[in-house]
Amino acid sequence: MSLLQTRLRWQKIVRSERTPQLKVAVLSTFTVNSVAPYLGTALEDAGLPADVFLGPYNQVVQECLSDESETARYAPDVLVVLPRLEDVWVRRPLPLVDDPKTYGGELIEMAEACAAAAARWGAILVFALPPVPESVPLGVGDASNPSGVHATAATVREEVRQRIAGRTGVLVADIEDAVRYVGGARAYNPPMLTVARIPFAEETFATLGQRLARLITLNQRAARKAVLVDADNTLWGGVVGEEGPAGIDLSDSGPGEAHRSFQSYLLELRRAGVLLAITSKNNEADVWEAFERREMVLKKEHFSAWKINWKPKSENIRELAGELGLAPDSFVLIDDSPVELAEVQAALPAVGLILFPSDPAGWLAAVQGSGLLDRLPPTAEDLRRAESYGQERARQEVARRASSPEEFLASLGVKVRIFAPGPSDLPRLAQMVAKTNQFNLNCRRRDAAELAALLANPGYCVRVVQAEDRFGEYGVVGAYIVEICSDHAVLDTFLLSCRAMGRGIEEAMLADAIASLPSHCNSQLFATVEEQPRNQPARDFFRKAGCAVPGERCALSRVERPRHVQELSLASR
């Protein structure tokens, strides 16, 4: 779709009577009207229809300091802030000899004002790092100046990033990323800057809007958990069944090098918490023999599961989903065959699809450009995810050998710690609330800012659950939130990761929730189980606990912690 078609489409969307799910406010130090069509249509395509409000020109701090400003009255769900250093430094000469750190104050003050406003308004802040100024008086000599434009811009950008990145309710974007993608020679629009304070070309605004939408979507929805990858002409060049394991291309130069670089990228994804799996139409022995090649970056142990056979790939993906305990929308399939991708799309439309290019040198643009593998900085649980699935395979082997479920559970040595989360636990809590579907009382979603507010509210009891057994640590896998009322309590949230279900942890959690109630609640804990598309395991559990009918409030039965589950103190955490 051309840029003009996108703008016309946005006009049609704005005139429609659809109900927006998000209210997005954009504040900027320059004229920013051009970003709205691309931000709005990208959010629409992501299934997050949004209303986009553009704040007054170059009034970022002023709008954020007042709760009576136009932006405050708009009550945004997301506040996007787009500054330029040239605008922030308007009363100062460009950097030349002064200490670069002296140039950061204005932008830091702006970022702090925006963060404070977003917190007051209950909004998520998306603060964009400004691009390096286009005007560089020393020209190529600026790179030799430790106090020059580029050095100072880099210092200021990193000061702001370090100041706000990782805060609850704050995301960091980067305008420089859009400029670099478009290319410096095409990214700017000098005539429109002088006439209307529009600094960037339309293509830059389009790229920026699309990337802002990807970041907002990433905050609203869980990232994909697993990459399914084909083998032939994807992990390596050629068809192993025809050319043999020794004949596939894994050379140190040319196409083979591109395939090896792709493998290295997958390995980095795994390190960040993404599970890797293979689905390939091949003879399994040929594939694993290819993995014995010394040039292979990936090894068999890097994959959490695989289906190497001649079945339709959609059928294999369903089996892999069951094996890994994941829903289809947790997967991204990377395959060089449009036919295979079309078959999966028709059968499992929730699976993300990436076509591996016929020229393997283009793999990075295809994979990263899709946005399907975007993710926020990993939590501790993300970093151990691949390892945890290896541990789960060992558990399942023990389960197959056990004479009964009771014997299996007793052999695990499950231990749990149930505790009030601290600031370092908040990202993981927000992640679980955002993406847990199967064992979830009501699939009620809250962002990190809302959860932080509940933690500070004495009317709520918030707990997270950490578990381990003799095979290793599960990490933080569960949480519950109880609203404390005058003579009873209400279970607001109750969730558990699917990889920890059926081990007695859910019973230990509910037992703790009831046992921890204040005396004035008379041990009465009420709950309403809501029927959601995927939460059948939670409905089954709460039916046994006294909630027989979804949607009806009921008093939960008192439960005991299973004898095979040992509860550890916080001190042993």
Protein backbone atom coordinates (compact mmCIF):
# COMPACT_ATOMS: atom_id res chain seq x y z
CA MET A 1 0.00 0.00 0.00
CA SER A 2 1.42 3.40 -0.96
CA LEU A 3 1.82 6.24 1.51
CA LEU A 4 -1.07 8.08 -0.14
CA GLN A 5 -3.31 5.03 0.12
CA THR A 6 -2.41 4.69 3.80
CA ARG A 7 -3.34 8.31 4.48
CA LEU A 8 -6.65 7.91 2.64
CA ARG A 9 -7.35 4.72 4.53
CA TRP A 10 -6.76 6.51 7.84
CA GLN A 11 -9.22 9.23 6.85
CA LYS A 12 -11.81 6.54 6.18
CA ILE A 13 -11.08 4.86 9.51
CA VAL A 14 -11.42 8.15 11.40
CA ARG A 15 -14.81 8.78 9.78
CA SER A 16 -16.04 5.29 10.62
CA GLU A 17 -18.09 4.50 13.71
CA ARG A 18 -15.71 1.89 15.10
CA THR A 19 -15.04 1.94 18.85
CA PRO A 20 -11.36 2.60 19.63
CA GLN A 21 -9.65 0.38 22.18
CA LEU A 22 -6.87 2.88 22.82
CA LYS A 23 -6.55 6.62 23.13
CA VAL A 24 -3.10 7.70 21.98
CA ALA A 25 -1.85 11.26 22.53
CA VAL A 26 1.20 12.52 20.64
CA LEU A 27 3.24 15.48 21.89
CA SER A 28 6.19 16.80 19.91
CA THR A 29 8.62 19.68 19.61
CA PHE A 30 7.86 19.86 15.87
CA THR A 31 4.82 19.57 13.59
CA VAL A 32 3.85 15.95 13.87
CA ASN A 33 0.54 15.65 12.00
CA SER A 34 2.10 13.37 9.38
CA VAL A 35 2.73 10.55 11.86
CA ALA A 36 -0.94 10.00 12.77
CA PRO A 37 -2.09 8.07 9.64
CA TYR A 38 0.77 5.59 9.86
CA LEU A 39 0.55 5.12 13.62
CA GLY A 40 -3.23 4.75 13.48
CA THR A 41 -3.39 2.31 10.57
CA ALA A 42 -0.59 0.17 11.98
CA LEU A 43 -2.43 -0.12 15.30
CA GLU A 44 -5.62 -0.92 13.38
CA ASP A 45 -3.82 -3.74 11.53
CA ALA A 46 -2.51 -5.04 14.85
CA GLY A 47 -6.06 -5.37 16.15
CA LEU A 48 -5.78 -2.35 18.43
CA PRO A 49 -8.06 0.30 16.92
CA ALA A 50 -6.96 3.64 18.31
CA ASP A 51 -7.97 7.27 18.44
CA VAL A 52 -4.94 9.50 17.85
CA PHE A 53 -4.82 12.97 19.45
CA LEU A 54 -2.14 15.46 18.40
CA GLY A 55 -1.22 17.92 21.13
CA PRO A 56 -0.36 21.60 20.64
CA TYR A 57 2.79 22.39 18.68
CA ASN A 58 6.00 22.40 20.77
CA GLN A 59 4.20 22.46 24.11
CA VAL A 60 5.45 19.17 25.50
CA VAL A 61 6.45 20.24 29.00
CA GLN A 62 3.64 22.76 29.35
CA GLU A 63 1.02 20.11 28.50
CA CYS A 64 2.55 17.65 30.95
CA LEU A 65 2.80 20.04 33.89
CA SER A 66 -0.91 20.87 33.93
CA ASP A 67 -3.73 18.44 34.60
CA GLU A 68 -6.03 20.94 32.91
CA SER A 69 -4.15 20.88 29.60
CA GLU A 70 -5.70 19.64 26.37
CA THR A 71 -3.71 16.43 26.61
CA ALA A 72 -4.69 15.81 30.22
CA ARG A 73 -8.36 16.37 29.41
CA TYR A 74 -8.07 13.90 26.55
CA ALA A 75 -7.12 11.25 29.17
CA PRO A 76 -4.84 9.14 26.98
CA ASP A 77 -4.07 5.48 27.49
CA VAL A 78 -0.73 6.01 25.76
CA LEU A 79 1.32 9.21 25.73
CA VAL A 80 3.84 9.40 22.87
CA VAL A 81 6.53 12.10 23.05
CA LEU A 82 8.71 12.97 20.04
CA PRO A 83 11.48 15.55 20.64
CA ARG A 84 14.30 16.91 18.48
CA LEU A 85 17.55 18.08 20.02
CA GLU A 86 17.61 21.13 17.75
CA ASP A 87 14.31 22.22 19.31
CA VAL A 88 15.39 21.39 22.85
CA TRP A 89 18.68 23.27 22.38
CA VAL A 90 17.09 26.23 20.61
CA ARG A 91 18.58 28.75 23.05
CA ARG A 92 22.06 27.22 22.93
CA PRO A 93 24.76 26.97 20.28
CA LEU A 94 25.41 23.54 18.83
CA PRO A 95 27.95 21.49 20.82
CA LEU A 96 31.55 22.36 20.08
CA VAL A 97 33.80 22.70 23.16
CA ASP A 98 31.53 22.38 26.21
CA ASP A 99 31.20 19.20 28.27
CA PRO A 100 28.54 17.02 26.52
CA LYS A 101 26.90 16.32 29.88
CA THR A 102 25.92 20.00 30.19
CA TYR A 103 23.59 19.55 27.23
CA GLY A 104 21.39 16.90 28.80
CA GLY A 105 19.43 18.92 31.34
CA GLU A 106 16.64 20.16 29.09
CA LEU A 107 15.82 16.76 27.61
CA ILE A 108 16.02 15.05 30.99
CA GLU A 109 13.62 17.61 32.47
CA MET A 110 11.26 16.99 29.57
CA ALA A 111 11.42 13.24 30.04
CA GLU A 112 10.78 13.54 33.79
CA ALA A 113 7.81 15.86 33.24
CA CYS A 114 6.34 13.42 30.72
CA ALA A 115 6.89 10.43 33.00
CA ALA A 116 5.23 12.21 35.91
CA ALA A 117 2.27 13.25 33.76
CA ALA A 118 1.79 9.76 32.36
CA ALA A 119 1.82 8.34 35.89
CA ARG A 120 -0.78 10.88 37.05
CA TRP A 121 -2.99 10.23 34.06
CA GLY A 122 -2.69 6.44 34.25
CA ALA A 123 -1.08 6.31 30.80
CA ILE A 124 1.80 4.37 29.33
CA LEU A 125 4.61 6.73 28.28
CA VAL A 126 6.41 6.11 24.98
CA PHE A 127 9.32 8.54 25.01
CA ALA A 128 11.31 8.67 21.79
CA LEU A 129 15.02 9.37 21.86
CA PRO A 130 15.72 12.25 19.45
CA PRO A 131 17.86 11.71 16.35
CA VAL A 132 21.35 13.13 16.02
CA PRO A 133 21.00 16.68 14.66
CA GLU A 134 21.41 16.97 10.92
CA SER A 135 23.39 20.20 11.20
CA VAL A 136 27.07 19.44 11.94
CA PRO A 137 29.23 22.57 11.41
CA LEU A 138 32.54 20.67 11.55
CA GLY A 139 31.38 18.22 8.90
CA VAL A 140 33.46 15.06 8.84
CA GLY A 141 35.71 16.60 11.49
CA ASP A 142 32.93 16.32 14.06
CA ALA A 143 33.76 12.63 14.57
CA SER A 144 37.17 13.69 15.94
CA ASN A 145 35.61 16.06 18.48
CA PRO A 146 34.69 14.43 21.83
CA SER A 147 32.57 17.53 22.52
CA GLY A 148 31.01 17.70 19.08
CA VAL A 149 27.46 17.27 17.86
CA HIS A 150 27.55 13.50 17.45
CA ALA A 151 29.37 12.85 20.73
CA THR A 152 27.08 15.16 22.69
CA ALA A 153 23.92 13.77 21.08
CA ALA A 154 25.05 10.23 21.93
CA THR A 155 25.78 11.24 25.54
CA VAL A 156 22.42 12.97 26.00
CA ARG A 157 20.45 10.15 24.39
CA GLU A 158 22.08 7.58 26.67
CA GLU A 159 21.57 9.75 29.76
CA VAL A 160 17.86 9.87 29.03
CA ARG A 161 17.68 6.17 28.23
CA GLN A 162 19.43 5.25 31.48
CA ARG A 163 17.19 7.63 33.38
CA ILE A 164 13.80 6.31 32.24
CA ALA A 165 14.24 2.87 30.63
CA GLY A 166 12.95 0.11 32.87
CA ARG A 167 10.60 2.34 34.82
CA THR A 168 7.11 1.04 35.36
CA GLY A 169 4.82 2.26 32.60
CA VAL A 170 7.62 3.70 30.42
CA LEU A 171 8.75 2.50 26.99
CA VAL A 172 11.61 3.98 24.99
CA ALA A 173 11.45 4.45 21.21
CA ASP A 174 14.12 5.91 18.92
CA ILE A 175 13.59 8.38 16.08
CA GLU A 176 17.16 7.77 14.96
CA ASP A 177 16.13 4.19 14.18
CA ALA A 178 13.57 5.45 11.64
CA VAL A 179 16.05 7.94 10.17
CA ARG A 180 18.67 5.22 9.75
CA TYR A 181 16.13 2.85 8.16
CA VAL A 182 15.05 5.41 5.57
CA GLY A 183 18.59 6.73 5.04
CA GLY A 184 19.96 10.12 5.98
CA ALA A 185 19.86 11.45 2.44
CA ARG A 186 16.09 10.81 2.19
CA ALA A 187 14.95 11.05 5.79
CA TYR A 188 14.72 14.85 6.07
CA ASN A 189 12.60 17.52 4.42
CA PRO A 190 14.42 20.90 4.59
CA PRO A 191 11.81 22.88 2.58
CA MET A 192 8.94 21.81 4.85
CA LEU A 193 11.06 22.45 7.96
CA THR A 194 11.40 26.11 7.00
CA VAL A 195 7.76 26.49 5.95
CA ALA A 196 5.85 24.42 8.50
CA ARG A 197 8.36 23.06 11.05
CA ILE A 198 8.02 19.57 9.51
CA PRO A 199 11.56 18.19 9.70
CA PHE A 200 11.14 14.73 8.20
CA ALA A 201 10.15 13.27 4.88
CA GLU A 202 6.85 11.41 4.61
CA GLU A 203 8.67 8.06 4.42
CA THR A 204 10.34 8.80 7.75
CA PHE A 205 7.02 9.61 9.40
CA ALA A 206 5.59 6.39 7.96
CA THR A 207 8.45 4.31 9.35
CA LEU A 208 8.28 6.08 12.70
CA GLY A 209 4.52 5.60 12.98
CA GLN A 210 4.76 1.91 12.17
CA ARG A 211 7.52 1.33 14.71
CA LEU A 212 5.70 3.24 17.41
CA ALA A 213 2.69 1.02 16.74
CA ARG A 214 4.85 -2.10 17.07
CA LEU A 215 6.14 -0.89 20.43
CA ILE A 216 2.66 -0.04 21.71
CA THR A 217 1.37 -3.42 20.54
CA LEU A 218 4.24 -5.14 22.30
CA ASN A 219 3.18 -3.45 25.53
CA GLN A 220 -0.44 -4.48 25.06
CA ARG A 221 0.12 -8.10 24.09
CA ALA A 222 2.45 -10.92 24.94
CA ALA A 223 5.42 -11.49 22.68
CA ARG A 224 5.59 -14.70 20.67
CA LYS A 225 7.24 -17.47 22.65
CA ALA A 226 8.53 -19.90 20.05
CA VAL A 227 10.10 -19.92 16.59
CA LEU A 228 9.35 -22.87 14.35
CA VAL A 229 11.93 -23.16 11.63
CA ASP A 230 12.16 -25.19 8.45
CA ALA A 231 15.43 -26.92 7.65
CA ASP A 232 16.08 -27.08 3.89
CA ASN A 233 16.95 -23.72 2.31
CA THR A 234 16.37 -22.08 5.70
CA LEU A 235 18.81 -23.40 8.27
CA TRP A 236 21.10 -24.39 5.42
CA GLY A 237 21.27 -24.12 1.67
CA GLY A 238 19.97 -27.01 -0.41
CA VAL A 239 17.80 -30.05 0.26
CA VAL A 240 19.43 -32.55 2.58
CA GLY A 241 17.37 -35.45 1.28
CA GLU A 242 18.68 -34.91 -2.25
CA GLU A 243 22.20 -33.61 -1.69
CA GLY A 244 22.99 -35.48 1.49
CA PRO A 245 24.24 -33.98 4.75
CA ALA A 246 27.68 -33.42 3.25
CA GLY A 247 26.25 -31.56 0.25
CA ILE A 248 24.21 -28.83 1.94
CA ASP A 249 25.63 -25.31 1.84
CA LEU A 250 27.12 -24.11 5.13
CA SER A 251 30.17 -22.45 3.61
CA ASP A 252 32.06 -19.58 5.19
CA SER A 253 31.16 -17.27 2.33
CA GLY A 254 28.25 -16.69 -0.03
CA PRO A 255 24.77 -18.10 0.68
CA GLY A 256 26.10 -20.61 3.20
CA GLU A 257 27.41 -17.80 5.37
CA ALA A 258 23.96 -16.16 5.31
CA HIS A 259 22.35 -19.37 6.56
CA ARG A 260 24.94 -19.59 9.34
CA SER A 261 24.28 -15.96 10.31
CA PHE A 262 20.59 -16.77 10.50
CA GLN A 263 21.38 -19.66 12.84
CA SER A 264 23.41 -17.29 15.05
CA TYR A 265 20.42 -14.95 15.19
CA LEU A 266 18.15 -17.80 16.27
CA LEU A 267 20.64 -18.68 18.97
CA GLU A 268 20.47 -15.09 20.26
CA LEU A 269 16.68 -15.29 20.30
CA ARG A 270 16.95 -18.46 22.36
CA ARG A 271 19.26 -16.67 24.78
CA ALA A 272 16.57 -13.98 25.17
CA GLY A 273 13.95 -16.60 26.07
CA VAL A 274 12.50 -17.70 22.73
CA LEU A 275 11.97 -21.42 22.29
CA LEU A 276 13.26 -23.00 19.09
CA ALA A 277 11.57 -25.91 17.33
CA ILE A 278 11.90 -27.61 13.96
CA THR A 279 9.07 -28.53 11.63
CA SER A 280 10.47 -30.01 8.42
CA LYS A 281 9.30 -32.38 5.70
CA ASN A 282 12.30 -34.67 5.69
CA ASN A 283 13.72 -37.94 6.89
CA GLU A 284 14.59 -37.27 10.50
CA ALA A 285 17.88 -39.16 10.36
CA ASP A 286 19.10 -36.97 7.47
CA VAL A 287 18.31 -33.78 9.40
CA TRP A 288 20.16 -34.84 12.54
CA GLU A 289 23.11 -36.04 10.48
CA ALA A 290 23.27 -32.55 8.97
CA PHE A 291 23.40 -31.15 12.50
CA GLU A 292 26.61 -33.11 13.05
CA ARG A 293 28.37 -30.87 10.56
CA ARG A 294 30.98 -28.81 12.43
CA GLU A 295 29.85 -25.67 10.54
CA MET A 296 26.40 -25.81 12.15
CA VAL A 297 25.96 -23.02 14.71
CA LEU A 298 22.81 -24.58 16.12
CA LYS A 299 22.92 -27.99 17.77
CA LYS A 300 20.19 -30.49 18.53
CA GLU A 301 20.18 -29.51 22.20
CA HIS A 302 19.19 -25.95 21.29
CA PHE A 303 15.74 -27.12 20.17
CA SER A 304 12.94 -27.65 22.66
CA ALA A 305 10.91 -29.84 20.29
CA TRP A 306 10.72 -30.99 16.69
CA LYS A 307 8.48 -32.67 14.16
CA ILE A 308 10.43 -34.01 11.20
CA ASN A 309 8.13 -36.08 9.00
CA TRP A 310 5.90 -35.81 5.93
CA LYS A 311 2.72 -34.63 7.62
CA PRO A 312 1.12 -31.24 6.87
CA LYS A 313 2.95 -28.59 8.85
CA SER A 314 -0.27 -27.35 10.44
CA GLU A 315 -0.77 -30.82 11.92
CA ASN A 316 2.78 -30.84 13.24
CA ILE A 317 2.32 -27.38 14.75
CA ARG A 318 -0.80 -28.53 16.58
CA GLU A 319 1.20 -31.41 18.04
CA LEU A 320 4.09 -29.11 18.97
CA ALA A 321 1.64 -26.73 20.64
CA GLY A 322 0.34 -29.56 22.78
CA GLU A 323 3.82 -30.80 23.56
CA LEU A 324 5.09 -27.36 24.60
CA GLY A 325 1.85 -26.27 26.27
CA LEU A 326 1.50 -23.21 24.03
CA ALA A 327 -1.32 -21.75 21.97
CA PRO A 328 -0.90 -21.32 18.19
CA ASP A 329 -0.55 -17.55 18.55
CA SER A 330 2.63 -18.14 20.54
CA PHE A 331 4.42 -19.43 17.43
CA VAL A 332 6.21 -17.85 14.48
CA LEU A 333 6.96 -20.13 11.52
CA ILE A 334 9.93 -19.28 9.29
CA ASP A 335 9.87 -21.23 6.03
CA ASP A 336 11.18 -20.73 2.50
CA SER A 337 8.03 -22.21 0.89
CA PRO A 338 5.03 -19.93 0.22
CA VAL A 339 2.94 -23.08 -0.24
CA GLU A 340 3.77 -24.38 3.25
CA LEU A 341 3.08 -20.95 4.77
CA ALA A 342 -0.28 -20.76 2.97
CA GLU A 343 -1.27 -24.19 4.27
CA VAL A 344 -0.50 -23.14 7.85
CA GLN A 345 -2.24 -19.80 7.43
CA ALA A 346 -5.41 -21.51 6.25
CA ALA A 347 -5.43 -24.05 9.09
CA LEU A 348 -3.91 -21.98 11.93
CA PRO A 349 -4.33 -18.26 11.19
CA ALA A 350 -3.00 -17.26 14.63
CA VAL A 351 0.50 -18.53 13.80
CA GLY A 352 2.86 -15.76 12.73
CA LEU A 353 4.43 -16.39 9.32
CA ILE A 354 7.74 -15.22 7.85
CA LEU A 355 8.84 -16.15 4.34
CA PHE A 356 12.56 -16.90 4.28
CA PRO A 357 13.83 -15.15 1.13
CA SER A 358 15.12 -17.01 -1.92
CA ASP A 359 18.30 -14.97 -1.55
CA PRO A 360 19.34 -15.89 1.99
CA ALA A 361 21.32 -12.66 2.32
CA GLY A 362 17.95 -10.92 2.82
CA TRP A 363 16.99 -12.94 5.90
CA LEU A 364 17.59 -10.13 8.39
CA ALA A 365 15.29 -7.68 6.63
CA ALA A 366 12.60 -10.36 6.33
CA VAL A 367 12.79 -11.51 9.95
CA GLN A 368 13.30 -8.22 11.79
CA GLY A 369 11.13 -6.26 9.40
CA SER A 370 8.14 -8.47 10.13
CA GLY A 371 7.95 -7.25 13.73
CA LEU A 372 6.75 -10.71 14.76
CA LEU A 373 9.77 -11.30 16.96
CA ASP A 374 9.80 -7.92 18.71
CA ARG A 375 10.14 -8.27 22.46
CA LEU A 376 10.85 -6.18 25.52
CA PRO A 377 13.97 -6.76 27.65
CA PRO A 378 13.84 -10.30 29.05
CA THR A 379 12.91 -11.14 32.62
CA ALA A 380 14.82 -13.74 34.64
CA GLU A 381 12.13 -16.27 33.71
CA ASP A 382 12.56 -15.49 30.00
CA LEU A 383 16.28 -16.13 30.26
CA ARG A 384 15.76 -19.58 31.74
CA ARG A 385 12.80 -20.57 29.51
CA ALA A 386 14.70 -22.80 27.08
CA GLU A 387 16.46 -24.54 29.98
CA SER A 388 13.14 -25.02 31.76
CA TYR A 389 11.66 -26.85 28.78
CA GLY A 390 14.61 -29.22 28.83
CA GLN A 391 13.88 -29.86 32.49
CA GLU A 392 10.24 -30.47 31.62
CA ARG A 393 11.21 -33.23 29.19
CA ALA A 394 13.08 -34.91 32.05
CA ARG A 395 10.00 -34.60 34.28
CA GLN A 396 7.78 -36.16 31.62
CA GLU A 397 10.17 -39.08 31.30
CA VAL A 398 9.85 -39.67 35.05
CA ALA A 399 6.07 -39.36 34.75
CA ARG A 400 6.00 -42.08 32.10
CA ARG A 401 7.92 -44.44 34.38
CA ALA A 402 5.87 -43.70 37.51
CA SER A 403 3.22 -46.22 38.52
CA SER A 404 0.70 -43.49 39.41
CA PRO A 405 0.25 -39.70 39.27
CA GLU A 406 0.64 -39.59 43.04
CA GLU A 407 4.00 -41.35 42.85
CA PHE A 408 5.16 -38.94 40.16
CA LEU A 409 4.14 -35.84 42.15
CA ALA A 410 5.74 -37.15 45.32
CA SER A 411 8.99 -37.80 43.45
CA LEU A 412 9.25 -34.23 42.15
CA GLY A 413 9.98 -32.55 45.48
CA VAL A 414 7.99 -29.42 44.62
CA LYS A 415 8.77 -26.34 46.70
CA VAL A 416 6.99 -22.98 46.54
CA ARG A 417 7.63 -19.51 47.90
CA ILE A 418 4.63 -17.18 48.07
CA PHE A 419 5.55 -13.57 48.75
CA ALA A 420 4.68 -9.93 48.19
CA PRO A 421 6.45 -8.76 45.01
CA GLY A 422 9.09 -6.07 45.17
CA PRO A 423 9.98 -3.58 42.41
CA SER A 424 12.24 -6.12 40.69
CA ASP A 425 9.34 -8.60 40.50
CA LEU A 426 6.92 -6.15 38.88
CA PRO A 427 7.99 -6.73 35.23
CA ARG A 428 7.44 -10.48 35.59
CA LEU A 429 4.09 -9.94 37.33
CA ALA A 430 2.96 -7.62 34.54
CA GLN A 431 4.14 -10.13 31.95
CA MET A 432 2.12 -12.95 33.52
CA VAL A 433 -1.01 -10.81 33.87
CA ALA A 434 -0.71 -9.79 30.22
CA LYS A 435 -0.20 -13.20 28.67
CA THR A 436 -1.43 -16.05 30.92
CA ASN A 437 -4.55 -17.54 29.35
CA GLN A 438 -5.08 -21.19 30.27
CA PHE A 439 -4.93 -21.08 34.05
CA ASN A 440 -6.44 -17.66 34.63
CA LEU A 441 -9.48 -16.89 36.77
CA ASN A 442 -10.81 -14.13 34.53
CA CYS A 443 -8.03 -13.05 32.09
CA ARG A 444 -8.21 -9.56 33.58
CA ARG A 445 -5.37 -7.54 32.07
CA ARG A 446 -3.49 -4.80 33.90
CA ASP A 447 -0.30 -3.02 32.94
CA ALA A 448 2.68 -2.48 35.21
CA ALA A 449 1.49 0.95 36.36
CA GLU A 450 -1.89 -0.43 37.44
CA LEU A 451 -0.26 -3.31 39.26
CA ALA A 452 2.10 -0.94 41.04
CA ALA A 453 -0.90 1.04 42.23
CA LEU A 454 -2.50 -2.12 43.64
CA LEU A 455 0.74 -2.98 45.44
CA ALA A 456 0.60 0.40 47.16
CA ASN A 457 -3.10 0.01 48.03
CA PRO A 458 -3.67 -1.49 51.51
CA GLY A 459 -7.05 -2.72 50.31
CA TYR A 460 -5.38 -5.34 48.14
CA CYS A 461 -3.14 -8.29 48.87
CA VAL A 462 -0.82 -9.07 45.93
CA ARG A 463 1.32 -12.20 45.95
CA VAL A 464 3.59 -13.93 43.44
CA VAL A 465 4.65 -17.55 43.49
CA GLN A 466 8.10 -18.95 42.85
CA ALA A 467 8.52 -22.70 42.44
CA GLU A 468 11.23 -25.33 42.04
CA ASP A 469 11.63 -29.08 42.16
CA ARG A 470 14.46 -31.58 42.00
CA PHE A 471 14.91 -30.96 38.27
CA GLY A 472 15.42 -27.22 38.61
CA GLU A 473 13.77 -23.85 39.13
CA TYR A 474 10.46 -22.90 37.54
CA GLY A 475 11.01 -19.24 38.44
CA VAL A 476 8.07 -16.96 39.21
CA VAL A 477 5.14 -18.85 37.70
CA GLY A 478 2.01 -17.64 39.45
CA ALA A 479 0.24 -14.78 41.17
CA TYR A 480 -2.93 -13.90 42.98
CA ILE A 481 -4.59 -10.63 43.97
CA VAL A 482 -7.19 -10.45 46.73
CA GLU A 483 -9.37 -7.42 47.39
CA ILE A 484 -9.91 -7.01 51.14
CA CYS A 485 -13.45 -5.88 52.03
CA SER A 486 -15.12 -5.12 55.37
CA ASP A 487 -16.23 -8.65 56.28
CA HIS A 488 -15.02 -10.77 53.38
CA ALA A 489 -12.50 -10.82 50.55
CA VAL A 490 -12.74 -11.18 46.77
CA LEU A 491 -10.30 -13.05 44.56
CA ASP A 492 -9.51 -10.47 41.91
CA THR A 493 -6.78 -12.32 39.99
CA PHE A 494 -5.49 -15.88 40.12
CA LEU A 495 -3.14 -17.23 37.48
CA LEU A 496 -0.48 -19.87 36.97
CA SER A 497 1.87 -20.57 34.09
CA CYS A 498 0.79 -23.57 32.05
CA ARG A 499 4.18 -25.25 32.55
CA ALA A 500 3.51 -25.40 36.32
CA MET A 501 -0.06 -26.71 36.20
CA GLY A 502 -1.00 -30.00 37.78
CA ARG A 503 1.88 -30.09 40.28
CA GLY A 504 -0.15 -29.03 43.33
CA ILE A 505 1.06 -25.44 43.09
CA GLU A 506 -2.42 -24.09 42.34
CA GLU A 507 -3.82 -25.76 45.47
CA ALA A 508 -0.95 -24.34 47.54
CA MET A 509 -1.69 -20.87 46.16
CA LEU A 510 -5.40 -21.00 46.99
CA ALA A 511 -4.69 -22.41 50.44
CA ASP A 512 -2.30 -19.54 51.09
CA ALA A 513 -4.79 -16.94 49.81
CA ILE A 514 -7.48 -18.13 52.22
CA ALA A 515 -5.13 -18.68 55.16
CA SER A 516 -3.68 -15.18 54.76
CA LEU A 517 -7.02 -13.35 55.00
CA PRO A 518 -7.35 -10.82 57.84
CA SER A 519 -9.50 -12.01 60.74
CA HIS A 520 -12.31 -9.56 59.92
CA CYS A 521 -12.83 -11.37 56.59
CA ASN A 522 -14.03 -14.45 58.51
CA SER A 523 -12.08 -16.73 56.12
CA GLN A 524 -14.60 -15.90 53.41
CA LEU A 525 -13.03 -15.61 49.97
CA PHE A 526 -15.39 -15.08 47.06
CA ALA A 527 -14.57 -15.50 43.38
CA THR A 528 -16.20 -15.22 39.97
CA VAL A 529 -14.77 -17.48 37.33
CA GLU A 530 -15.21 -16.02 33.87
CA GLU A 531 -15.43 -18.16 30.77
CA GLN A 532 -12.65 -17.19 28.37
CA PRO A 533 -11.63 -18.93 25.13
CA ARG A 534 -8.64 -20.73 26.64
CA ASN A 535 -9.13 -20.86 30.42
CA GLN A 536 -10.78 -24.28 30.68
CA PRO A 537 -8.05 -25.52 33.10
CA ALA A 538 -8.85 -22.66 35.47
CA ARG A 539 -12.59 -23.29 35.22
CA ASP A 540 -12.07 -26.98 36.00
CA PHE A 541 -9.96 -26.13 39.06
CA PHE A 542 -12.37 -23.57 40.48
CA ARG A 543 -15.35 -25.84 39.84
CA LYS A 544 -13.81 -28.23 42.36
CA ALA A 545 -13.22 -25.30 44.73
CA GLY A 546 -16.89 -24.29 44.73
CA CYS A 547 -17.43 -22.18 41.60
CA ALA A 548 -19.65 -24.44 39.54
CA VAL A 549 -21.08 -21.84 37.16
CA PRO A 550 -18.92 -19.34 35.25
CA GLY A 551 -20.03 -15.77 35.74
CA GLU A 552 -21.61 -16.39 39.15
CA ARG A 553 -19.98 -15.19 42.35
CA CYS A 554 -19.39 -17.97 44.85
CA ALA A 555 -17.68 -18.65 48.15
CA LEU A 556 -14.54 -20.71 47.71
CA SER A 557 -14.10 -23.88 49.72
CA ARG A 558 -11.18 -24.04 52.08
CA VAL A 559 -8.36 -26.14 50.65
CA GLU A 560 -5.22 -27.61 52.14
CA ARG A 561 -1.77 -27.35 50.72
CA PRO A 562 -0.90 -30.75 49.16
CA ARG A 563 1.46 -32.77 51.33
CA HIS A 564 3.94 -33.22 48.49
CA VAL A 565 4.34 -29.43 48.13
CA GLN A 566 6.78 -27.86 50.57
CA GLU A 567 6.33 -24.16 51.29
CA LEU A 568 9.57 -22.25 51.76
CA SER A 569 10.00 -19.02 53.66
CA LEU A 570 10.90 -15.77 51.92
CA ALA A 571 14.28 -15.90 53.64
CA SER A 572 15.16 -18.97 51.58
CA ARG A 573 14.33 -17.21 48.34
